Amino acid sequence: MSISERYRQLVDEVRTLLSQLQQDAPEEQALTVLHKAVATLADQHERVGEIPRARIDAELSPVLLTAHNLFDRSRLLLEKDDQAPAAERVWEVQRKIYRLLNDL
């Protein structure tokens, strides 16, 4: 699977995660941070396939790092609020982002 396909799949997954977590009504600040993370990733969703392979690392790395940091902050807020299942799901996304970063 190409980087572009994996990125799009990741964006779709985090959108689904956000929808599910909103229904579970976790801590409000964690949701706000998750919204920012999803928006950060979604900004490149349409454009990712048009980025030349030679520039994909330079263009996606900052986006992925920013999103990873936001997911990390959200996960910590969820853990602080005793929302362990939600925090674990966010952790799964963080690992996927990290793997994608390593493959750039």
PDB file of N, CA and C in Angstrom:
ATOM      1  N   MET A   1       0.848  -1.170   0.000  1.00  0.00           N
ATOM      2  CA  MET A   1       0.000   0.000   0.000  1.00  0.00           C
ATOM      3  C   MET A   1       0.899   1.241   0.000  1.00  0.00           C
ATOM      4  N   SER A   2       0.552   2.205  -0.816  1.00  0.00           N
ATOM      5  CA  SER A   2       1.373   3.411  -0.937  1.00  0.00           C
ATOM      6  C   SER A   2       1.206   4.314   0.289  1.00  0.00           C
ATOM      7  N   ILE A   3       2.134   5.239   0.420  1.00  0.00           N
ATOM      8  CA  ILE A   3       2.075   6.214   1.514  1.00  0.00           C
ATOM      9  C   ILE A   3       0.767   7.003   1.429  1.00  0.00           C
ATOM     10  N   SER A   4       0.404   7.413   0.224  1.00  0.00           N
ATOM     11  CA  SER A   4      -0.827   8.191   0.040  1.00  0.00           C
ATOM     12  C   SER A   4      -2.054   7.410   0.490  1.00  0.00           C
ATOM     13  N   GLU A   5      -2.112   6.146   0.111  1.00  0.00           N
ATOM     14  CA  GLU A   5      -3.255   5.316   0.503  1.00  0.00           C
ATOM     15  C   GLU A   5      -3.295   5.121   2.013  1.00  0.00           C
ATOM     16  N   ARG A   6      -2.136   4.880   2.606  1.00  0.00           N
ATOM     17  CA  ARG A   6      -2.074   4.703   4.058  1.00  0.00           C
ATOM     18  C   ARG A   6      -2.472   5.984   4.780  1.00  0.00           C
ATOM     19  N   TYR A   7      -2.048   7.119   4.246  1.00  0.00           N
ATOM     20  CA  TYR A   7      -2.399   8.403   4.854  1.00  0.00           C
ATOM     21  C   TYR A   7      -3.909   8.614   4.797  1.00  0.00           C
ATOM     22  N   ARG A   8      -4.493   8.370   3.642  1.00  0.00           N
ATOM     23  CA  ARG A   8      -5.949   8.533   3.507  1.00  0.00           C
ATOM     24  C   ARG A   8      -6.701   7.581   4.431  1.00  0.00           C
ATOM     25  N   GLN A   9      -6.212   6.364   4.527  1.00  0.00           N
ATOM     26  CA  GLN A   9      -6.828   5.384   5.418  1.00  0.00           C
ATOM     27  C   GLN A   9      -6.733   5.859   6.874  1.00  0.00           C
ATOM     28  N   LEU A  10      -5.599   6.428   7.234  1.00  0.00           N
ATOM     29  CA  LEU A  10      -5.408   6.959   8.583  1.00  0.00           C
ATOM     30  C   LEU A  10      -6.390   8.093   8.862  1.00  0.00           C
ATOM     31  N   VAL A  11      -6.553   8.997   7.911  1.00  0.00           N
ATOM     32  CA  VAL A  11      -7.489  10.116   8.090  1.00  0.00           C
ATOM     33  C   VAL A  11      -8.909   9.589   8.276  1.00  0.00           C
ATOM     34  N   ASP A  12      -9.301   8.628   7.464  1.00  0.00           N
ATOM     35  CA  ASP A  12     -10.640   8.043   7.613  1.00  0.00           C
ATOM     36  C   ASP A  12     -10.799   7.386   8.984  1.00  0.00           C
ATOM     37  N   GLU A  13      -9.760   6.713   9.425  1.00  0.00           N
ATOM     38  CA  GLU A  13      -9.810   6.039  10.725  1.00  0.00           C
ATOM     39  C   GLU A  13      -9.932   7.037  11.878  1.00  0.00           C
ATOM     40  N   VAL A  14      -9.188   8.137  11.811  1.00  0.00           N
ATOM     41  CA  VAL A  14      -9.262   9.102  12.915  1.00  0.00           C
ATOM     42  C   VAL A  14     -10.590   9.850  12.915  1.00  0.00           C
ATOM     43  N   ARG A  15     -11.164  10.043  11.750  1.00  0.00           N
ATOM     44  CA  ARG A  15     -12.499  10.652  11.703  1.00  0.00           C
ATOM     45  C   ARG A  15     -13.524   9.735  12.370  1.00  0.00           C
ATOM     46  N   THR A  16     -13.432   8.452  12.079  1.00  0.00           N
ATOM     47  CA  THR A  16     -14.328   7.477  12.697  1.00  0.00           C
ATOM     48  C   THR A  16     -14.108   7.426  14.206  1.00  0.00           C
ATOM     49  N   LEU A  17     -12.856   7.418  14.610  1.00  0.00           N
ATOM     50  CA  LEU A  17     -12.530   7.402  16.037  1.00  0.00           C
ATOM     51  C   LEU A  17     -13.123   8.615  16.741  1.00  0.00           C
ATOM     52  N   LEU A  18     -12.968   9.775  16.144  1.00  0.00           N
ATOM     53  CA  LEU A  18     -13.505  10.991  16.750  1.00  0.00           C
ATOM     54  C   LEU A  18     -15.022  10.903  16.899  1.00  0.00           C
ATOM     55  N   SER A  19     -15.695  10.414  15.874  1.00  0.00           N
ATOM     56  CA  SER A  19     -17.156  10.260  15.953  1.00  0.00           C
ATOM     57  C   SER A  19     -17.556   9.315  17.076  1.00  0.00           C
ATOM     58  N   GLN A  20     -16.840   8.213  17.191  1.00  0.00           N
ATOM     59  CA  GLN A  20     -17.150   7.241  18.235  1.00  0.00           C
ATOM     60  C   GLN A  20     -16.884   7.818  19.623  1.00  0.00           C
ATOM     61  N   LEU A  21     -15.788   8.525  19.756  1.00  0.00           N
ATOM     62  CA  LEU A  21     -15.457   9.090  21.066  1.00  0.00           C
ATOM     63  C   LEU A  21     -16.430  10.198  21.463  1.00  0.00           C
ATOM     64  N   GLN A  22     -16.934  10.926  20.491  1.00  0.00           N
ATOM     65  CA  GLN A  22     -17.918  11.962  20.803  1.00  0.00           C
ATOM     66  C   GLN A  22     -19.181  11.342  21.393  1.00  0.00           C
ATOM     67  N   GLN A  23     -19.539  10.170  20.922  1.00  0.00           N
ATOM     68  CA  GLN A  23     -20.721   9.486  21.449  1.00  0.00           C
ATOM     69  C   GLN A  23     -20.480   8.980  22.869  1.00  0.00           C
ATOM     70  N   ASP A  24     -19.222   8.628  23.163  1.00  0.00           N
ATOM     71  CA  ASP A  24     -18.885   8.143  24.501  1.00  0.00           C
ATOM     72  C   ASP A  24     -18.757   9.283  25.504  1.00  0.00           C
ATOM     73  N   ALA A  25     -18.761  10.515  24.998  1.00  0.00           N
ATOM     74  CA  ALA A  25     -18.712  11.738  25.815  1.00  0.00           C
ATOM     75  C   ALA A  25     -17.544  11.775  26.793  1.00  0.00           C
ATOM     76  N   PRO A  26     -16.311  11.654  26.285  1.00  0.00           N
ATOM     77  CA  PRO A  26     -15.180  11.804  27.207  1.00  0.00           C
ATOM     78  C   PRO A  26     -14.957  13.267  27.566  1.00  0.00           C
ATOM     79  N   GLU A  27     -13.905  13.506  28.260  1.00  0.00           N
ATOM     80  CA  GLU A  27     -13.527  14.832  28.724  1.00  0.00           C
ATOM     81  C   GLU A  27     -13.496  15.827  27.561  1.00  0.00           C
ATOM     82  N   GLU A  28     -14.092  16.980  27.753  1.00  0.00           N
ATOM     83  CA  GLU A  28     -14.265  17.981  26.691  1.00  0.00           C
ATOM     84  C   GLU A  28     -12.942  18.483  26.120  1.00  0.00           C
ATOM     85  N   GLN A  29     -11.973  18.712  26.980  1.00  0.00           N
ATOM     86  CA  GLN A  29     -10.685  19.222  26.505  1.00  0.00           C
ATOM     87  C   GLN A  29     -10.000  18.194  25.605  1.00  0.00           C
ATOM     88  N   ALA A  30     -10.126  16.928  25.934  1.00  0.00           N
ATOM     89  CA  ALA A  30      -9.544  15.872  25.103  1.00  0.00           C
ATOM     90  C   ALA A  30     -10.193  15.863  23.725  1.00  0.00           C
ATOM     91  N   LEU A  31     -11.501  16.058  23.679  1.00  0.00           N
ATOM     92  CA  LEU A  31     -12.198  16.114  22.388  1.00  0.00           C
ATOM     93  C   LEU A  31     -11.745  17.308  21.558  1.00  0.00           C
ATOM     94  N   THR A  32     -11.530  18.431  22.196  1.00  0.00           N
ATOM     95  CA  THR A  32     -11.063  19.625  21.490  1.00  0.00           C
ATOM     96  C   THR A  32      -9.701  19.366  20.855  1.00  0.00           C
ATOM     97  N   VAL A  33      -8.822  18.735  21.596  1.00  0.00           N
ATOM     98  CA  VAL A  33      -7.490  18.422  21.078  1.00  0.00           C
ATOM     99  C   VAL A  33      -7.599  17.402  19.942  1.00  0.00           C
ATOM    100  N   LEU A  34      -8.485  16.423  20.094  1.00  0.00           N
ATOM    101  CA  LEU A  34      -8.693  15.437  19.026  1.00  0.00           C
ATOM    102  C   LEU A  34      -9.217  16.101  17.752  1.00  0.00           C
ATOM    103  N   HIS A  35     -10.117  17.049  17.904  1.00  0.00           N
ATOM    104  CA  HIS A  35     -10.622  17.791  16.740  1.00  0.00           C
ATOM    105  C   HIS A  35      -9.471  18.475  16.003  1.00  0.00           C
ATOM    106  N   LYS A  36      -8.567  19.079  16.747  1.00  0.00           N
ATOM    107  CA  LYS A  36      -7.414  19.747  16.128  1.00  0.00           C
ATOM    108  C   LYS A  36      -6.538  18.741  15.396  1.00  0.00           C
ATOM    109  N   ALA A  37      -6.336  17.576  15.993  1.00  0.00           N
ATOM    110  CA  ALA A  37      -5.506  16.545  15.365  1.00  0.00           C
ATOM    111  C   ALA A  37      -6.133  16.055  14.064  1.00  0.00           C
ATOM    112  N   VAL A  38      -7.426  15.814  14.102  1.00  0.00           N
ATOM    113  CA  VAL A  38      -8.129  15.354  12.898  1.00  0.00           C
ATOM    114  C   VAL A  38      -8.081  16.429  11.820  1.00  0.00           C
ATOM    115  N   ALA A  39      -8.295  17.671  12.200  1.00  0.00           N
ATOM    116  CA  ALA A  39      -8.243  18.768  11.227  1.00  0.00           C
ATOM    117  C   ALA A  39      -6.850  18.899  10.622  1.00  0.00           C
ATOM    118  N   THR A  40      -5.832  18.705  11.439  1.00  0.00           N
ATOM    119  CA  THR A  40      -4.451  18.775  10.954  1.00  0.00           C
ATOM    120  C   THR A  40      -4.205  17.729   9.877  1.00  0.00           C
ATOM    121  N   LEU A  41      -4.646  16.512  10.135  1.00  0.00           N
ATOM    122  CA  LEU A  41      -4.466  15.437   9.156  1.00  0.00           C
ATOM    123  C   LEU A  41      -5.362  15.630   7.931  1.00  0.00           C
ATOM    124  N   ALA A  42      -6.585  16.063   8.160  1.00  0.00           N
ATOM    125  CA  ALA A  42      -7.552  16.187   7.066  1.00  0.00           C
ATOM    126  C   ALA A  42      -7.155  17.258   6.055  1.00  0.00           C
ATOM    127  N   ASP A  43      -6.378  18.238   6.484  1.00  0.00           N
ATOM    128  CA  ASP A  43      -5.947  19.298   5.565  1.00  0.00           C
ATOM    129  C   ASP A  43      -5.201  18.743   4.352  1.00  0.00           C
ATOM    130  N   GLN A  44      -4.503  17.647   4.533  1.00  0.00           N
ATOM    131  CA  GLN A  44      -3.716  17.062   3.444  1.00  0.00           C
ATOM    132  C   GLN A  44      -4.414  15.876   2.778  1.00  0.00           C
ATOM    133  N   HIS A  45      -5.594  15.511   3.246  1.00  0.00           N
ATOM    134  CA  HIS A  45      -6.286  14.310   2.768  1.00  0.00           C
ATOM    135  C   HIS A  45      -6.452  14.292   1.250  1.00  0.00           C
ATOM    136  N   GLU A  46      -6.947  15.360   0.684  1.00  0.00           N
ATOM    137  CA  GLU A  46      -7.194  15.412  -0.757  1.00  0.00           C
ATOM    138  C   GLU A  46      -5.904  15.564  -1.557  1.00  0.00           C
ATOM    139  N   ARG A  47      -4.971  16.288  -1.009  1.00  0.00           N
ATOM    140  CA  ARG A  47      -3.763  16.667  -1.726  1.00  0.00           C
ATOM    141  C   ARG A  47      -2.648  15.627  -1.670  1.00  0.00           C
ATOM    142  N   VAL A  48      -2.739  14.690  -0.752  1.00  0.00           N
ATOM    143  CA  VAL A  48      -1.625  13.777  -0.504  1.00  0.00           C
ATOM    144  C   VAL A  48      -1.227  12.981  -1.753  1.00  0.00           C
ATOM    145  N   GLY A  49      -2.157  12.629  -2.586  1.00  0.00           N
ATOM    146  CA  GLY A  49      -1.841  11.867  -3.793  1.00  0.00           C
ATOM    147  C   GLY A  49      -1.126  12.678  -4.856  1.00  0.00           C
ATOM    148  N   GLU A  50      -1.187  13.989  -4.741  1.00  0.00           N
ATOM    149  CA  GLU A  50      -0.556  14.868  -5.724  1.00  0.00           C
ATOM    150  C   GLU A  50       0.867  15.266  -5.344  1.00  0.00           C
ATOM    151  N   ILE A  51       1.288  14.926  -4.146  1.00  0.00           N
ATOM    152  CA  ILE A  51       2.631  15.288  -3.688  1.00  0.00           C
ATOM    153  C   ILE A  51       3.637  14.343  -4.350  1.00  0.00           C
ATOM    154  N   PRO A  52       4.641  14.897  -5.029  1.00  0.00           N
ATOM    155  CA  PRO A  52       5.660  14.035  -5.639  1.00  0.00           C
ATOM    156  C   PRO A  52       6.399  13.219  -4.579  1.00  0.00           C
ATOM    157  N   ARG A  53       6.760  12.019  -4.924  1.00  0.00           N
ATOM    158  CA  ARG A  53       7.434  11.106  -3.986  1.00  0.00           C
ATOM    159  C   ARG A  53       8.676  11.754  -3.365  1.00  0.00           C
ATOM    160  N   ALA A  54       9.377  12.542  -4.142  1.00  0.00           N
ATOM    161  CA  ALA A  54      10.606  13.175  -3.647  1.00  0.00           C
ATOM    162  C   ALA A  54      10.325  14.198  -2.545  1.00  0.00           C
ATOM    163  N   ARG A  55       9.118  14.739  -2.501  1.00  0.00           N
ATOM    164  CA  ARG A  55       8.785  15.774  -1.508  1.00  0.00           C
ATOM    165  C   ARG A  55       7.831  15.294  -0.427  1.00  0.00           C
ATOM    166  N   ILE A  56       7.390  14.062  -0.520  1.00  0.00           N
ATOM    167  CA  ILE A  56       6.363  13.600   0.418  1.00  0.00           C
ATOM    168  C   ILE A  56       6.862  13.614   1.864  1.00  0.00           C
ATOM    169  N   ASP A  57       8.121  13.267   2.064  1.00  0.00           N
ATOM    170  CA  ASP A  57       8.684  13.284   3.414  1.00  0.00           C
ATOM    171  C   ASP A  57       8.674  14.700   3.982  1.00  0.00           C
ATOM    172  N   ALA A  58       9.139  15.647   3.194  1.00  0.00           N
ATOM    173  CA  ALA A  58       9.219  17.038   3.661  1.00  0.00           C
ATOM    174  C   ALA A  58       7.841  17.640   3.910  1.00  0.00           C
ATOM    175  N   GLU A  59       6.853  17.218   3.155  1.00  0.00           N
ATOM    176  CA  GLU A  59       5.519  17.809   3.293  1.00  0.00           C
ATOM    177  C   GLU A  59       4.657  17.119   4.347  1.00  0.00           C
ATOM    178  N   LEU A  60       4.802  15.811   4.483  1.00  0.00           N
ATOM    179  CA  LEU A  60       3.939  15.093   5.427  1.00  0.00           C
ATOM    180  C   LEU A  60       4.525  14.973   6.832  1.00  0.00           C
ATOM    181  N   SER A  61       5.833  14.959   6.946  1.00  0.00           N
ATOM    182  CA  SER A  61       6.437  14.799   8.278  1.00  0.00           C
ATOM    183  C   SER A  61       5.959  15.843   9.280  1.00  0.00           C
ATOM    184  N   PRO A  62       5.986  17.137   8.939  1.00  0.00           N
ATOM    185  CA  PRO A  62       5.510  18.123   9.929  1.00  0.00           C
ATOM    186  C   PRO A  62       4.040  17.928  10.302  1.00  0.00           C
ATOM    187  N   VAL A  63       3.233  17.558   9.328  1.00  0.00           N
ATOM    188  CA  VAL A  63       1.805  17.331   9.585  1.00  0.00           C
ATOM    189  C   VAL A  63       1.626  16.138  10.516  1.00  0.00           C
ATOM    190  N   LEU A  64       2.323  15.055  10.219  1.00  0.00           N
ATOM    191  CA  LEU A  64       2.202  13.848  11.039  1.00  0.00           C
ATOM    192  C   LEU A  64       2.749  14.063  12.446  1.00  0.00           C
ATOM    193  N   LEU A  65       3.848  14.790  12.562  1.00  0.00           N
ATOM    194  CA  LEU A  65       4.410  15.070  13.890  1.00  0.00           C
ATOM    195  C   LEU A  65       3.465  15.936  14.724  1.00  0.00           C
ATOM    196  N   THR A  66       2.882  16.933  14.099  1.00  0.00           N
ATOM    197  CA  THR A  66       1.923  17.788  14.803  1.00  0.00           C
ATOM    198  C   THR A  66       0.719  16.973  15.263  1.00  0.00           C
ATOM    199  N   ALA A  67       0.182  16.160  14.362  1.00  0.00           N
ATOM    200  CA  ALA A  67      -0.970  15.327  14.714  1.00  0.00           C
ATOM    201  C   ALA A  67      -0.605  14.343  15.826  1.00  0.00           C
ATOM    202  N   HIS A  68       0.572  13.751  15.743  1.00  0.00           N
ATOM    203  CA  HIS A  68       1.013  12.800  16.762  1.00  0.00           C
ATOM    204  C   HIS A  68       1.068  13.479  18.130  1.00  0.00           C
ATOM    205  N   ASN A  69       1.612  14.679  18.172  1.00  0.00           N
ATOM    206  CA  ASN A  69       1.690  15.415  19.439  1.00  0.00           C
ATOM    207  C   ASN A  69       0.303  15.745  19.986  1.00  0.00           C
ATOM    208  N   LEU A  70      -0.611  16.111  19.104  1.00  0.00           N
ATOM    209  CA  LEU A  70      -1.979  16.405  19.542  1.00  0.00           C
ATOM    210  C   LEU A  70      -2.673  15.141  20.057  1.00  0.00           C
ATOM    211  N   PHE A  71      -2.479  14.031  19.359  1.00  0.00           N
ATOM    212  CA  PHE A  71      -3.055  12.773  19.837  1.00  0.00           C
ATOM    213  C   PHE A  71      -2.458  12.388  21.186  1.00  0.00           C
ATOM    214  N   ASP A  72      -1.176  12.639  21.364  1.00  0.00           N
ATOM    215  CA  ASP A  72      -0.532  12.326  22.633  1.00  0.00           C
ATOM    216  C   ASP A  72      -1.136  13.156  23.763  1.00  0.00           C
ATOM    217  N   ARG A  73      -1.327  14.435  23.509  1.00  0.00           N
ATOM    218  CA  ARG A  73      -1.929  15.302  24.526  1.00  0.00           C
ATOM    219  C   ARG A  73      -3.346  14.832  24.859  1.00  0.00           C
ATOM    220  N   SER A  74      -4.088  14.479  23.832  1.00  0.00           N
ATOM    221  CA  SER A  74      -5.449  13.990  24.041  1.00  0.00           C
ATOM    222  C   SER A  74      -5.452  12.696  24.852  1.00  0.00           C
ATOM    223  N   ARG A  75      -4.543  11.802  24.518  1.00  0.00           N
ATOM    224  CA  ARG A  75      -4.460  10.528  25.238  1.00  0.00           C
ATOM    225  C   ARG A  75      -4.165  10.754  26.719  1.00  0.00           C
ATOM    226  N   LEU A  76      -3.248  11.664  26.997  1.00  0.00           N
ATOM    227  CA  LEU A  76      -2.922  11.958  28.394  1.00  0.00           C
ATOM    228  C   LEU A  76      -4.117  12.551  29.138  1.00  0.00           C
ATOM    229  N   LEU A  77      -4.871  13.400  28.464  1.00  0.00           N
ATOM    230  CA  LEU A  77      -6.076  13.963  29.082  1.00  0.00           C
ATOM    231  C   LEU A  77      -7.117  12.877  29.341  1.00  0.00           C
ATOM    232  N   LEU A  78      -7.247  11.953  28.405  1.00  0.00           N
ATOM    233  CA  LEU A  78      -8.194  10.851  28.592  1.00  0.00           C
ATOM    234  C   LEU A  78      -7.765   9.954  29.751  1.00  0.00           C
ATOM    235  N   GLU A  79      -6.475   9.678  29.838  1.00  0.00           N
ATOM    236  CA  GLU A  79      -5.981   8.859  30.949  1.00  0.00           C
ATOM    237  C   GLU A  79      -6.209   9.556  32.285  1.00  0.00           C
ATOM    238  N   LYS A  80      -5.981  10.851  32.303  1.00  0.00           N
ATOM    239  CA  LYS A  80      -6.193  11.631  33.525  1.00  0.00           C
ATOM    240  C   LYS A  80      -7.660  11.585  33.954  1.00  0.00           C
ATOM    241  N   ASP A  81      -8.550  11.496  32.969  1.00  0.00           N
ATOM    242  CA  ASP A  81      -9.990  11.465  33.228  1.00  0.00           C
ATOM    243  C   ASP A  81     -10.513  10.028  33.394  1.00  0.00           C
ATOM    244  N   ASP A  82      -9.603   9.079  33.577  1.00  0.00           N
ATOM    245  CA  ASP A  82      -9.955   7.664  33.757  1.00  0.00           C
ATOM    246  C   ASP A  82     -10.758   7.100  32.583  1.00  0.00           C
ATOM    247  N   GLN A  83     -10.390   7.490  31.386  1.00  0.00           N
ATOM    248  CA  GLN A  83     -11.016   6.990  30.161  1.00  0.00           C
ATOM    249  C   GLN A  83     -10.034   6.048  29.450  1.00  0.00           C
ATOM    250  N   ALA A  84      -9.641   4.986  30.133  1.00  0.00           N
ATOM    251  CA  ALA A  84      -8.615   4.075  29.622  1.00  0.00           C
ATOM    252  C   ALA A  84      -8.949   3.470  28.255  1.00  0.00           C
ATOM    253  N   PRO A  85     -10.176   3.008  28.008  1.00  0.00           N
ATOM    254  CA  PRO A  85     -10.464   2.438  26.682  1.00  0.00           C
ATOM    255  C   PRO A  85     -10.291   3.464  25.551  1.00  0.00           C
ATOM    256  N   ALA A  86     -10.734   4.679  25.783  1.00  0.00           N
ATOM    257  CA  ALA A  86     -10.577   5.729  24.771  1.00  0.00           C
ATOM    258  C   ALA A  86      -9.105   6.072  24.591  1.00  0.00           C
ATOM    259  N   ALA A  87      -8.372   6.131  25.683  1.00  0.00           N
ATOM    260  CA  ALA A  87      -6.938   6.426  25.609  1.00  0.00           C
ATOM    261  C   ALA A  87      -6.205   5.343  24.823  1.00  0.00           C
ATOM    262  N   GLU A  88      -6.611   4.109  24.999  1.00  0.00           N
ATOM    263  CA  GLU A  88      -5.982   3.001  24.265  1.00  0.00           C
ATOM    264  C   GLU A  88      -6.244   3.119  22.762  1.00  0.00           C
ATOM    265  N   ARG A  89      -7.433   3.528  22.393  1.00  0.00           N
ATOM    266  CA  ARG A  89      -7.752   3.696  20.969  1.00  0.00           C
ATOM    267  C   ARG A  89      -6.940   4.831  20.364  1.00  0.00           C
ATOM    268  N   VAL A  90      -6.746   5.889  21.124  1.00  0.00           N
ATOM    269  CA  VAL A  90      -5.912   6.998  20.655  1.00  0.00           C
ATOM    270  C   VAL A  90      -4.464   6.531  20.526  1.00  0.00           C
ATOM    271  N   TRP A  91      -4.008   5.712  21.459  1.00  0.00           N
ATOM    272  CA  TRP A  91      -2.650   5.176  21.417  1.00  0.00           C
ATOM    273  C   TRP A  91      -2.435   4.344  20.145  1.00  0.00           C
ATOM    274  N   GLU A  92      -3.443   3.588  19.747  1.00  0.00           N
ATOM    275  CA  GLU A  92      -3.359   2.805  18.509  1.00  0.00           C
ATOM    276  C   GLU A  92      -3.124   3.722  17.308  1.00  0.00           C
ATOM    277  N   VAL A  93      -3.830   4.832  17.272  1.00  0.00           N
ATOM    278  CA  VAL A  93      -3.656   5.793  16.181  1.00  0.00           C
ATOM    279  C   VAL A  93      -2.246   6.388  16.225  1.00  0.00           C
ATOM    280  N   GLN A  94      -1.772   6.700  17.404  1.00  0.00           N
ATOM    281  CA  GLN A  94      -0.421   7.245  17.533  1.00  0.00           C
ATOM    282  C   GLN A  94       0.614   6.280  16.962  1.00  0.00           C
ATOM    283  N   ARG A  95       0.442   5.007  17.233  1.00  0.00           N
ATOM    284  CA  ARG A  95       1.389   4.016  16.705  1.00  0.00           C
ATOM    285  C   ARG A  95       1.328   3.953  15.189  1.00  0.00           C
ATOM    286  N   LYS A  96       0.137   4.079  14.622  1.00  0.00           N
ATOM    287  CA  LYS A  96       0.012   4.074  13.159  1.00  0.00           C
ATOM    288  C   LYS A  96       0.690   5.301  12.553  1.00  0.00           C
ATOM    289  N   ILE A  97       0.528   6.434  13.198  1.00  0.00           N
ATOM    290  CA  ILE A  97       1.190   7.652  12.722  1.00  0.00           C
ATOM    291  C   ILE A  97       2.705   7.468  12.782  1.00  0.00           C
ATOM    292  N   TYR A  98       3.177   6.914  13.865  1.00  0.00           N
ATOM    293  CA  TYR A  98       4.616   6.699  14.031  1.00  0.00           C
ATOM    294  C   TYR A  98       5.157   5.756  12.953  1.00  0.00           C
ATOM    295  N   ARG A  99       4.424   4.684  12.678  1.00  0.00           N
ATOM    296  CA  ARG A  99       4.862   3.748  11.633  1.00  0.00           C
ATOM    297  C   ARG A  99       4.881   4.427  10.265  1.00  0.00           C
ATOM    298  N   LEU A 100       3.885   5.249  10.002  1.00  0.00           N
ATOM    299  CA  LEU A 100       3.847   5.971   8.731  1.00  0.00           C
ATOM    300  C   LEU A 100       5.024   6.943   8.636  1.00  0.00           C
ATOM    301  N   LEU A 101       5.321   7.621   9.714  1.00  0.00           N
ATOM    302  CA  LEU A 101       6.485   8.516   9.736  1.00  0.00           C
ATOM    303  C   LEU A 101       7.774   7.754   9.445  1.00  0.00           C
ATOM    304  N   ASN A 102       7.915   6.598  10.038  1.00  0.00           N
ATOM    305  CA  ASN A 102       9.121   5.797   9.818  1.00  0.00           C
ATOM    306  C   ASN A 102       9.253   5.332   8.374  1.00  0.00           C
ATOM    307  N   ASP A 103       8.136   5.163   7.699  1.00  0.00           N
ATOM    308  CA  ASP A 103       8.165   4.683   6.318  1.00  0.00           C
ATOM    309  C   ASP A 103       8.342   5.791   5.288  1.00  0.00           C
ATOM    310  N   LEU A 104       8.302   7.036   5.726  1.00  0.00           N
ATOM    311  CA  LEU A 104       8.484   8.139   4.770  1.00  0.00           C
ATOM    312  C   LEU A 104       9.909   8.180   4.248  1.00  0.00           C
TER     313      LEU A 104
END
